[in-house]
Amino acid sequence: MMTNYICIDVGGTTTRIATAESSERAEITIVERFPTQAKYELQLEALHSILVQIGQPAGIGLSLGGQMARDGRSVAVAPNLPDYVGQPLVETLEQRWHCPVRLGHDTVCGLLAEKNFGALQTSERCAYLTLSTGTGAAIFLGSPGLAISIEIGHQVLDSNPLICLCGQIGCLETCTGGRQLEQRLGYELTRIVDHGFWEQYCEKLAIGLVNLAHLTRVELVAVSGSIALKNEFLLPLLQRKIDERLLNARLTLTSALLGENAPLIGALALLQTPPERILH
């Protein structure tokens, strides 16, 4: 007997699982969270053991912090979860649970959630930005609209000599990604009270967002992720840095209304989104 829909958010640090009675609403109940396993097989075991307790799902939507393969059935690039790359994730879940399974970049899922139910409902040129373990984004263009996964954190900044976890030299994420910053600093970002650090953080991120505005003509960005959620001063500071740089255009930042639940709600929304409306 089928029970609820299941939505899963596999982040670089934490995995969360929620249930929902419908895939067409933003109403979810979080039932479990646990540290994301770096080893793919261990993560699968953990997921299966929890799903057994929930019961047979009507469908599974899965958000993951990585770039998907073009068919949306496996992970193509995941600097924070390299063991997941190329694994038959969707096929394995389909065979085990005999239900529809959809997989998406966490930023695409966050975008779908905010576009359907949150801060981006009235915009046809918008984006979702997450500032957390990594720095990721997705954009939405047109009507009925195409959701596009982009690697905003891996654009190369001039005069940046740092080596990114992805292997490139000079990525924006070396200056804005939580994991890479904490590795260099040796302590968590929550301990930073130096305003100069956050000035520099926003200066680098503003460059990336100005580039985004010029390349895509996006006008509104919903911002989420643990770094943004824990530092309320960040968005006004970042908006000021953008306004100082961006000429002949306007890029407005807003807080993601669904907060940390946006990727979960968007994973659920994947099940009702036609595949041709998502460009992985």
C-alpha atoms as a PDB file:
ATOM      1  CA  MET A   1       0.000   0.000   0.000  1.00  0.00           C
ATOM      2  CA  MET A   2       1.397   3.385  -1.006  1.00  0.00           C
ATOM      3  CA  THR A   3       1.712   6.016   1.685  1.00  0.00           C
ATOM      4  CA  ASN A   4       3.133   9.515   1.395  1.00  0.00           C
ATOM      5  CA  TYR A   5       5.408  11.122  -1.109  1.00  0.00           C
ATOM      6  CA  ILE A   6       9.013  11.276   0.060  1.00  0.00           C
ATOM      7  CA  CYS A   7      11.353  14.215  -0.463  1.00  0.00           C
ATOM      8  CA  ILE A   8      15.052  13.979   0.329  1.00  0.00           C
ATOM      9  CA  ASP A   9      17.707  16.681   0.493  1.00  0.00           C
ATOM     10  CA  VAL A  10      21.277  15.348   0.352  1.00  0.00           C
ATOM     11  CA  GLY A  11      23.539  18.233   1.307  1.00  0.00           C
ATOM     12  CA  GLY A  12      27.296  18.204   1.586  1.00  0.00           C
ATOM     13  CA  THR A  13      26.961  18.057   5.375  1.00  0.00           C
ATOM     14  CA  THR A  14      23.443  16.910   6.290  1.00  0.00           C
ATOM     15  CA  THR A  15      20.728  14.754   4.723  1.00  0.00           C
ATOM     16  CA  ARG A  16      17.069  15.447   5.534  1.00  0.00           C
ATOM     17  CA  ILE A  17      14.027  13.343   4.722  1.00  0.00           C
ATOM     18  CA  ALA A  18      10.437  14.568   4.732  1.00  0.00           C
ATOM     19  CA  THR A  19       7.000  13.223   3.854  1.00  0.00           C
ATOM     20  CA  ALA A  20       4.089  14.927   2.107  1.00  0.00           C
ATOM     21  CA  GLU A  21       0.516  13.972   1.312  1.00  0.00           C
ATOM     22  CA  SER A  22       0.627  15.802  -2.033  1.00  0.00           C
ATOM     23  CA  SER A  23       3.369  16.682  -4.503  1.00  0.00           C
ATOM     24  CA  GLU A  24       1.486  19.847  -5.498  1.00  0.00           C
ATOM     25  CA  ARG A  25       1.670  21.730  -2.185  1.00  0.00           C
ATOM     26  CA  ALA A  26       4.435  23.153  -0.001  1.00  0.00           C
ATOM     27  CA  GLU A  27       3.367  21.142   3.033  1.00  0.00           C
ATOM     28  CA  ILE A  28       5.994  18.709   4.282  1.00  0.00           C
ATOM     29  CA  THR A  29       6.826  16.965   7.541  1.00  0.00           C
ATOM     30  CA  ILE A  30      10.514  16.378   8.268  1.00  0.00           C
ATOM     31  CA  VAL A  31      10.915  12.891   9.689  1.00  0.00           C
ATOM     32  CA  GLU A  32      14.680  12.364   9.790  1.00  0.00           C
ATOM     33  CA  ARG A  33      18.031  14.072   9.472  1.00  0.00           C
ATOM     34  CA  PHE A  34      21.510  12.576   9.650  1.00  0.00           C
ATOM     35  CA  PRO A  35      25.077  13.377   8.574  1.00  0.00           C
ATOM     36  CA  THR A  36      25.515  12.833   4.847  1.00  0.00           C
ATOM     37  CA  GLN A  37      27.734   9.806   4.239  1.00  0.00           C
ATOM     38  CA  ALA A  38      30.725  10.504   2.006  1.00  0.00           C
ATOM     39  CA  LYS A  39      30.536   6.917   0.704  1.00  0.00           C
ATOM     40  CA  TYR A  40      27.663   6.426  -1.731  1.00  0.00           C
ATOM     41  CA  GLU A  41      26.857   2.854  -0.637  1.00  0.00           C
ATOM     42  CA  LEU A  42      26.664   3.866   3.033  1.00  0.00           C
ATOM     43  CA  GLN A  43      24.314   6.714   2.105  1.00  0.00           C
ATOM     44  CA  LEU A  44      22.058   4.310   0.201  1.00  0.00           C
ATOM     45  CA  GLU A  45      21.932   1.952   3.171  1.00  0.00           C
ATOM     46  CA  ALA A  46      20.956   4.813   5.465  1.00  0.00           C
ATOM     47  CA  LEU A  47      18.221   5.992   3.077  1.00  0.00           C
ATOM     48  CA  HIS A  48      16.754   2.515   2.601  1.00  0.00           C
ATOM     49  CA  SER A  49      16.656   1.827   6.348  1.00  0.00           C
ATOM     50  CA  ILE A  50      14.651   5.021   6.949  1.00  0.00           C
ATOM     51  CA  LEU A  51      12.311   4.534   3.991  1.00  0.00           C
ATOM     52  CA  VAL A  52      11.467   1.036   5.233  1.00  0.00           C
ATOM     53  CA  GLN A  53      10.174   2.602   8.438  1.00  0.00           C
ATOM     54  CA  ILE A  54       8.086   5.167   6.534  1.00  0.00           C
ATOM     55  CA  GLY A  55       6.472   2.684   4.173  1.00  0.00           C
ATOM     56  CA  GLN A  56       6.031   2.314   0.415  1.00  0.00           C
ATOM     57  CA  PRO A  57       6.232   5.810  -1.150  1.00  0.00           C
ATOM     58  CA  ALA A  58       3.979   7.088  -3.925  1.00  0.00           C
ATOM     59  CA  GLY A  59       6.977   8.902  -5.386  1.00  0.00           C
ATOM     60  CA  ILE A  60      10.443  10.084  -4.381  1.00  0.00           C
ATOM     61  CA  GLY A  61      11.917  13.498  -5.140  1.00  0.00           C
ATOM     62  CA  LEU A  62      15.594  13.915  -4.369  1.00  0.00           C
ATOM     63  CA  SER A  63      17.648  17.119  -4.115  1.00  0.00           C
ATOM     64  CA  LEU A  64      21.427  16.772  -4.122  1.00  0.00           C
ATOM     65  CA  GLY A  65      24.329  19.214  -3.907  1.00  0.00           C
ATOM     66  CA  GLY A  66      25.891  18.468  -7.266  1.00  0.00           C
ATOM     67  CA  GLN A  67      25.503  18.858 -11.010  1.00  0.00           C
ATOM     68  CA  MET A  68      23.266  16.236 -12.611  1.00  0.00           C
ATOM     69  CA  ALA A  69      23.889  14.251 -15.771  1.00  0.00           C
ATOM     70  CA  ARG A  70      21.912  15.598 -18.727  1.00  0.00           C
ATOM     71  CA  ASP A  71      19.239  12.896 -18.374  1.00  0.00           C
ATOM     72  CA  GLY A  72      18.740  13.806 -14.715  1.00  0.00           C
ATOM     73  CA  ARG A  73      19.280  10.238 -13.495  1.00  0.00           C
ATOM     74  CA  SER A  74      22.744  10.420 -11.949  1.00  0.00           C
ATOM     75  CA  VAL A  75      25.281  12.877 -10.559  1.00  0.00           C
ATOM     76  CA  ALA A  76      27.843  14.256 -13.015  1.00  0.00           C
ATOM     77  CA  VAL A  77      29.898  16.614 -10.814  1.00  0.00           C
ATOM     78  CA  ALA A  78      29.935  16.866  -7.007  1.00  0.00           C
ATOM     79  CA  PRO A  79      33.139  18.291  -5.485  1.00  0.00           C
ATOM     80  CA  ASN A  80      31.742  17.828  -1.977  1.00  0.00           C
ATOM     81  CA  LEU A  81      30.422  14.287  -2.665  1.00  0.00           C
ATOM     82  CA  PRO A  82      32.812  12.791  -5.232  1.00  0.00           C
ATOM     83  CA  ASP A  83      31.877   9.147  -4.506  1.00  0.00           C
ATOM     84  CA  TYR A  84      28.335   9.823  -5.787  1.00  0.00           C
ATOM     85  CA  VAL A  85      29.475  10.752  -9.302  1.00  0.00           C
ATOM     86  CA  GLY A  86      28.311   8.324 -11.996  1.00  0.00           C
ATOM     87  CA  GLN A  87      26.346   6.127  -9.587  1.00  0.00           C
ATOM     88  CA  PRO A  88      22.932   4.827 -10.825  1.00  0.00           C
ATOM     89  CA  LEU A  89      21.026   6.639  -8.098  1.00  0.00           C
ATOM     90  CA  VAL A  90      17.618   7.034  -9.766  1.00  0.00           C
ATOM     91  CA  GLU A  91      17.667   3.528 -11.241  1.00  0.00           C
ATOM     92  CA  THR A  92      18.560   2.002  -7.870  1.00  0.00           C
ATOM     93  CA  LEU A  93      15.746   3.795  -6.055  1.00  0.00           C
ATOM     94  CA  GLU A  94      13.224   2.948  -8.792  1.00  0.00           C
ATOM     95  CA  GLN A  95      14.102  -0.734  -8.677  1.00  0.00           C
ATOM     96  CA  ARG A  96      13.996  -0.852  -4.883  1.00  0.00           C
ATOM     97  CA  TRP A  97      10.817   1.153  -4.310  1.00  0.00           C
ATOM     98  CA  HIS A  98       8.832   0.664  -7.573  1.00  0.00           C
ATOM     99  CA  CYS A  99       7.673   4.278  -7.780  1.00  0.00           C
ATOM    100  CA  PRO A 100       8.491   7.426  -9.777  1.00  0.00           C
ATOM    101  CA  VAL A 101      11.838   8.944  -8.774  1.00  0.00           C
ATOM    102  CA  ARG A 102      13.145  12.381  -9.794  1.00  0.00           C
ATOM    103  CA  LEU A 103      16.598  13.810  -9.044  1.00  0.00           C
ATOM    104  CA  GLY A 104      17.707  17.427  -9.222  1.00  0.00           C
ATOM    105  CA  HIS A 105      20.508  19.795  -8.273  1.00  0.00           C
ATOM    106  CA  ASP A 106      19.643  21.300  -4.886  1.00  0.00           C
ATOM    107  CA  THR A 107      19.620  24.767  -6.432  1.00  0.00           C
ATOM    108  CA  VAL A 108      17.100  23.701  -9.096  1.00  0.00           C
ATOM    109  CA  CYS A 109      14.930  22.268  -6.332  1.00  0.00           C
ATOM    110  CA  GLY A 110      15.225  25.468  -4.306  1.00  0.00           C
ATOM    111  CA  LEU A 111      14.340  27.463  -7.412  1.00  0.00           C
ATOM    112  CA  LEU A 112      11.225  25.363  -8.124  1.00  0.00           C
ATOM    113  CA  ALA A 113      10.065  25.749  -4.535  1.00  0.00           C
ATOM    114  CA  GLU A 114      10.492  29.516  -4.461  1.00  0.00           C
ATOM    115  CA  LYS A 115       9.003  29.932  -7.963  1.00  0.00           C
ATOM    116  CA  ASN A 116       5.929  27.819  -7.171  1.00  0.00           C
ATOM    117  CA  PHE A 117       5.300  28.809  -3.564  1.00  0.00           C
ATOM    118  CA  GLY A 118       7.754  31.476  -2.379  1.00  0.00           C
ATOM    119  CA  ALA A 119       9.569  34.704  -3.152  1.00  0.00           C
ATOM    120  CA  LEU A 120       9.885  34.248  -6.935  1.00  0.00           C
ATOM    121  CA  GLN A 121       6.243  33.645  -7.899  1.00  0.00           C
ATOM    122  CA  THR A 122       5.801  36.907  -9.826  1.00  0.00           C
ATOM    123  CA  SER A 123       9.132  36.979 -11.693  1.00  0.00           C
ATOM    124  CA  GLU A 124       9.908  35.472 -15.100  1.00  0.00           C
ATOM    125  CA  ARG A 125      13.646  36.259 -14.902  1.00  0.00           C
ATOM    126  CA  CYS A 126      14.824  35.042 -11.544  1.00  0.00           C
ATOM    127  CA  ALA A 127      17.352  32.916  -9.727  1.00  0.00           C
ATOM    128  CA  TYR A 128      17.878  30.960  -6.527  1.00  0.00           C
ATOM    129  CA  LEU A 129      21.220  31.251  -4.732  1.00  0.00           C
ATOM    130  CA  THR A 130      22.391  29.054  -1.875  1.00  0.00           C
ATOM    131  CA  LEU A 131      25.278  30.033   0.392  1.00  0.00           C
ATOM    132  CA  SER A 132      26.198  27.004   2.441  1.00  0.00           C
ATOM    133  CA  THR A 133      28.767  24.196   2.210  1.00  0.00           C
ATOM    134  CA  GLY A 134      29.186  25.342  -1.375  1.00  0.00           C
ATOM    135  CA  THR A 135      27.946  28.265  -3.481  1.00  0.00           C
ATOM    136  CA  GLY A 136      25.284  27.244  -5.976  1.00  0.00           C
ATOM    137  CA  ALA A 137      22.565  28.738  -8.139  1.00  0.00           C
ATOM    138  CA  ALA A 138      19.851  28.004 -10.665  1.00  0.00           C
ATOM    139  CA  ILE A 139      18.000  30.380 -12.966  1.00  0.00           C
ATOM    140  CA  PHE A 140      14.443  30.525 -14.310  1.00  0.00           C
ATOM    141  CA  LEU A 141      13.739  32.197 -17.639  1.00  0.00           C
ATOM    142  CA  GLY A 142      10.581  32.805 -19.619  1.00  0.00           C
ATOM    143  CA  SER A 143       7.009  31.547 -19.574  1.00  0.00           C
ATOM    144  CA  PRO A 144       5.994  28.748 -19.028  1.00  0.00           C
ATOM    145  CA  GLY A 145       9.643  28.766 -18.017  1.00  0.00           C
ATOM    146  CA  LEU A 146      12.856  26.801 -18.087  1.00  0.00           C
ATOM    147  CA  ALA A 147      14.769  25.995 -14.904  1.00  0.00           C
ATOM    148  CA  ILE A 148      18.509  25.812 -15.539  1.00  0.00           C
ATOM    149  CA  SER A 149      21.208  24.525 -13.211  1.00  0.00           C
ATOM    150  CA  ILE A 150      24.320  26.724 -13.290  1.00  0.00           C
ATOM    151  CA  GLU A 151      27.694  26.499 -11.548  1.00  0.00           C
ATOM    152  CA  ILE A 152      27.925  30.044 -10.233  1.00  0.00           C
ATOM    153  CA  GLY A 153      30.492  29.018  -7.624  1.00  0.00           C
ATOM    154  CA  HIS A 154      32.883  27.752 -10.268  1.00  0.00           C
ATOM    155  CA  GLN A 155      33.191  30.900 -12.352  1.00  0.00           C
ATOM    156  CA  VAL A 156      36.817  32.005 -12.289  1.00  0.00           C
ATOM    157  CA  LEU A 157      37.734  35.288 -10.635  1.00  0.00           C
ATOM    158  CA  ASP A 158      40.738  37.228 -11.862  1.00  0.00           C
ATOM    159  CA  SER A 159      43.749  37.304  -9.496  1.00  0.00           C
ATOM    160  CA  ASN A 160      42.436  34.413  -7.385  1.00  0.00           C
ATOM    161  CA  PRO A 161      45.247  31.839  -6.995  1.00  0.00           C
ATOM    162  CA  LEU A 162      43.307  29.420  -4.749  1.00  0.00           C
ATOM    163  CA  ILE A 163      42.706  25.820  -5.844  1.00  0.00           C
ATOM    164  CA  CYS A 164      39.053  24.817  -5.584  1.00  0.00           C
ATOM    165  CA  LEU A 165      37.780  21.416  -4.460  1.00  0.00           C
ATOM    166  CA  CYS A 166      36.641  20.948  -8.073  1.00  0.00           C
ATOM    167  CA  GLY A 167      40.273  21.168  -9.234  1.00  0.00           C
ATOM    168  CA  GLN A 168      40.066  24.544 -10.960  1.00  0.00           C
ATOM    169  CA  ILE A 169      42.173  27.497  -9.894  1.00  0.00           C
ATOM    170  CA  GLY A 170      40.394  30.727  -8.999  1.00  0.00           C
ATOM    171  CA  CYS A 171      36.777  29.645  -8.439  1.00  0.00           C
ATOM    172  CA  LEU A 172      34.408  32.026  -6.657  1.00  0.00           C
ATOM    173  CA  GLU A 173      33.548  29.218  -4.240  1.00  0.00           C
ATOM    174  CA  THR A 174      37.057  29.277  -2.786  1.00  0.00           C
ATOM    175  CA  CYS A 175      36.080  32.688  -1.367  1.00  0.00           C
ATOM    176  CA  THR A 176      32.413  32.014  -0.523  1.00  0.00           C
ATOM    177  CA  GLY A 177      31.912  28.264   0.065  1.00  0.00           C
ATOM    178  CA  GLY A 178      31.553  27.302   3.715  1.00  0.00           C
ATOM    179  CA  ARG A 179      33.583  24.105   3.504  1.00  0.00           C
ATOM    180  CA  GLN A 180      36.547  25.668   1.729  1.00  0.00           C
ATOM    181  CA  LEU A 181      36.606  28.735   3.970  1.00  0.00           C
ATOM    182  CA  GLU A 182      36.500  26.623   7.128  1.00  0.00           C
ATOM    183  CA  GLN A 183      39.255  24.356   5.843  1.00  0.00           C
ATOM    184  CA  ARG A 184      41.530  27.364   5.334  1.00  0.00           C
ATOM    185  CA  LEU A 185      40.536  29.155   8.532  1.00  0.00           C
ATOM    186  CA  GLY A 186      40.575  26.090  10.769  1.00  0.00           C
ATOM    187  CA  TYR A 187      37.291  26.953  12.502  1.00  0.00           C
ATOM    188  CA  GLU A 188      33.573  27.401  11.754  1.00  0.00           C
ATOM    189  CA  LEU A 189      32.218  30.548  10.117  1.00  0.00           C
ATOM    190  CA  THR A 190      29.815  31.004  13.040  1.00  0.00           C
ATOM    191  CA  ARG A 191      32.814  32.148  15.090  1.00  0.00           C
ATOM    192  CA  ILE A 192      33.661  35.041  12.770  1.00  0.00           C
ATOM    193  CA  VAL A 193      32.754  38.461  14.153  1.00  0.00           C
ATOM    194  CA  ASP A 194      35.211  40.477  12.053  1.00  0.00           C
ATOM    195  CA  HIS A 195      33.115  42.742   9.798  1.00  0.00           C
ATOM    196  CA  GLY A 196      36.066  43.053   7.423  1.00  0.00           C
ATOM    197  CA  PHE A 197      35.818  39.335   6.647  1.00  0.00           C
ATOM    198  CA  TRP A 198      32.185  39.677   5.592  1.00  0.00           C
ATOM    199  CA  GLU A 199      32.949  42.845   3.596  1.00  0.00           C
ATOM    200  CA  GLN A 200      35.470  40.828   1.568  1.00  0.00           C
ATOM    201  CA  TYR A 201      33.062  37.879   1.306  1.00  0.00           C
ATOM    202  CA  CYS A 202      30.343  40.112  -0.146  1.00  0.00           C
ATOM    203  CA  GLU A 203      32.775  41.910  -2.444  1.00  0.00           C
ATOM    204  CA  LYS A 204      33.732  38.612  -4.102  1.00  0.00           C
ATOM    205  CA  LEU A 205      30.163  37.326  -4.231  1.00  0.00           C
ATOM    206  CA  ALA A 206      28.916  40.615  -5.693  1.00  0.00           C
ATOM    207  CA  ILE A 207      31.278  40.163  -8.644  1.00  0.00           C
ATOM    208  CA  GLY A 208      29.764  36.756  -9.311  1.00  0.00           C
ATOM    209  CA  LEU A 209      26.221  38.103  -9.121  1.00  0.00           C
ATOM    210  CA  VAL A 210      26.977  41.088 -11.367  1.00  0.00           C
ATOM    211  CA  ASN A 211      28.307  38.594 -13.902  1.00  0.00           C
ATOM    212  CA  LEU A 212      25.091  36.592 -13.506  1.00  0.00           C
ATOM    213  CA  ALA A 213      22.949  39.674 -14.152  1.00  0.00           C
ATOM    214  CA  HIS A 214      24.856  40.616 -17.300  1.00  0.00           C
ATOM    215  CA  LEU A 215      24.966  37.089 -18.729  1.00  0.00           C
ATOM    216  CA  THR A 216      21.357  36.058 -18.047  1.00  0.00           C
ATOM    217  CA  ARG A 217      19.411  39.333 -17.468  1.00  0.00           C
ATOM    218  CA  VAL A 218      18.035  37.830 -14.277  1.00  0.00           C
ATOM    219  CA  GLU A 219      16.347  40.535 -12.178  1.00  0.00           C
ATOM    220  CA  LEU A 220      15.429  38.892  -8.848  1.00  0.00           C
ATOM    221  CA  VAL A 221      17.422  36.432  -6.709  1.00  0.00           C
ATOM    222  CA  ALA A 222      16.073  34.495  -3.715  1.00  0.00           C
ATOM    223  CA  VAL A 223      18.943  33.788  -1.331  1.00  0.00           C
ATOM    224  CA  SER A 224      19.082  30.888   1.095  1.00  0.00           C
ATOM    225  CA  GLY A 225      21.596  28.488   2.656  1.00  0.00           C
ATOM    226  CA  SER A 226      23.000  28.307   6.173  1.00  0.00           C
ATOM    227  CA  ILE A 227      25.477  31.193   5.729  1.00  0.00           C
ATOM    228  CA  ALA A 228      22.727  33.576   4.622  1.00  0.00           C
ATOM    229  CA  LEU A 229      20.201  32.334   7.180  1.00  0.00           C
ATOM    230  CA  LYS A 230      22.607  32.724  10.127  1.00  0.00           C
ATOM    231  CA  ASN A 231      23.841  36.210   9.163  1.00  0.00           C
ATOM    232  CA  GLU A 232      20.923  38.622   8.722  1.00  0.00           C
ATOM    233  CA  PHE A 233      23.253  41.511   7.894  1.00  0.00           C
ATOM    234  CA  LEU A 234      24.587  39.716   4.826  1.00  0.00           C
ATOM    235  CA  LEU A 235      21.868  40.486   2.261  1.00  0.00           C
ATOM    236  CA  PRO A 236      21.830  44.286   2.786  1.00  0.00           C
ATOM    237  CA  LEU A 237      25.629  44.351   2.615  1.00  0.00           C
ATOM    238  CA  LEU A 238      25.667  42.204  -0.510  1.00  0.00           C
ATOM    239  CA  GLN A 239      22.931  44.312  -2.147  1.00  0.00           C
ATOM    240  CA  ARG A 240      25.008  47.446  -1.544  1.00  0.00           C
ATOM    241  CA  LYS A 241      28.087  45.846  -3.115  1.00  0.00           C
ATOM    242  CA  ILE A 242      26.048  44.814  -6.169  1.00  0.00           C
ATOM    243  CA  ASP A 243      24.494  48.266  -6.555  1.00  0.00           C
ATOM    244  CA  GLU A 244      27.956  49.846  -6.497  1.00  0.00           C
ATOM    245  CA  ARG A 245      29.126  47.659  -9.399  1.00  0.00           C
ATOM    246  CA  LEU A 246      26.099  46.986 -11.591  1.00  0.00           C
ATOM    247  CA  LEU A 247      25.316  49.691 -14.157  1.00  0.00           C
ATOM    248  CA  ASN A 248      22.418  49.884 -16.645  1.00  0.00           C
ATOM    249  CA  ALA A 249      20.595  47.022 -14.919  1.00  0.00           C
ATOM    250  CA  ARG A 250      19.047  46.142 -11.572  1.00  0.00           C
ATOM    251  CA  LEU A 251      19.494  42.950  -9.576  1.00  0.00           C
ATOM    252  CA  THR A 252      17.342  42.673  -6.459  1.00  0.00           C
ATOM    253  CA  LEU A 253      18.082  40.241  -3.647  1.00  0.00           C
ATOM    254  CA  THR A 254      15.397  38.810  -1.382  1.00  0.00           C
ATOM    255  CA  SER A 255      15.368  36.174   1.316  1.00  0.00           C
ATOM    256  CA  ALA A 256      14.035  32.805   0.233  1.00  0.00           C
ATOM    257  CA  LEU A 257      10.645  32.583   1.949  1.00  0.00           C
ATOM    258  CA  LEU A 258      10.838  28.817   2.401  1.00  0.00           C
ATOM    259  CA  GLY A 259      14.213  29.018   4.135  1.00  0.00           C
ATOM    260  CA  GLU A 260      16.130  25.802   4.587  1.00  0.00           C
ATOM    261  CA  ASN A 261      13.115  23.761   3.464  1.00  0.00           C
ATOM    262  CA  ALA A 262      13.210  25.092  -0.108  1.00  0.00           C
ATOM    263  CA  PRO A 263      15.307  22.173  -1.497  1.00  0.00           C
ATOM    264  CA  LEU A 264      12.972  19.642   0.152  1.00  0.00           C
ATOM    265  CA  ILE A 265       9.815  21.316  -1.157  1.00  0.00           C
ATOM    266  CA  GLY A 266      11.440  21.665  -4.575  1.00  0.00           C
ATOM    267  CA  ALA A 267      12.416  17.982  -4.590  1.00  0.00           C
ATOM    268  CA  LEU A 268       8.728  17.261  -4.113  1.00  0.00           C
ATOM    269  CA  ALA A 269       7.843  19.712  -6.916  1.00  0.00           C
ATOM    270  CA  LEU A 270      10.167  17.798  -9.261  1.00  0.00           C
ATOM    271  CA  LEU A 271       7.575  15.025  -9.378  1.00  0.00           C
ATOM    272  CA  GLN A 272       5.068  17.423 -10.989  1.00  0.00           C
ATOM    273  CA  THR A 273       7.525  19.280 -13.252  1.00  0.00           C
ATOM    274  CA  PRO A 274       7.809  18.086 -16.884  1.00  0.00           C
ATOM    275  CA  PRO A 275      11.377  16.898 -17.541  1.00  0.00           C
ATOM    276  CA  GLU A 276      11.676  19.147 -20.594  1.00  0.00           C
ATOM    277  CA  ARG A 277      11.274  22.218 -18.355  1.00  0.00           C
ATOM    278  CA  ILE A 278      14.509  21.465 -16.494  1.00  0.00           C
ATOM    279  CA  LEU A 279      17.918  21.825 -18.119  1.00  0.00           C
ATOM    280  CA  HIS A 280      20.384  19.872 -15.998  1.00  0.00           C
END
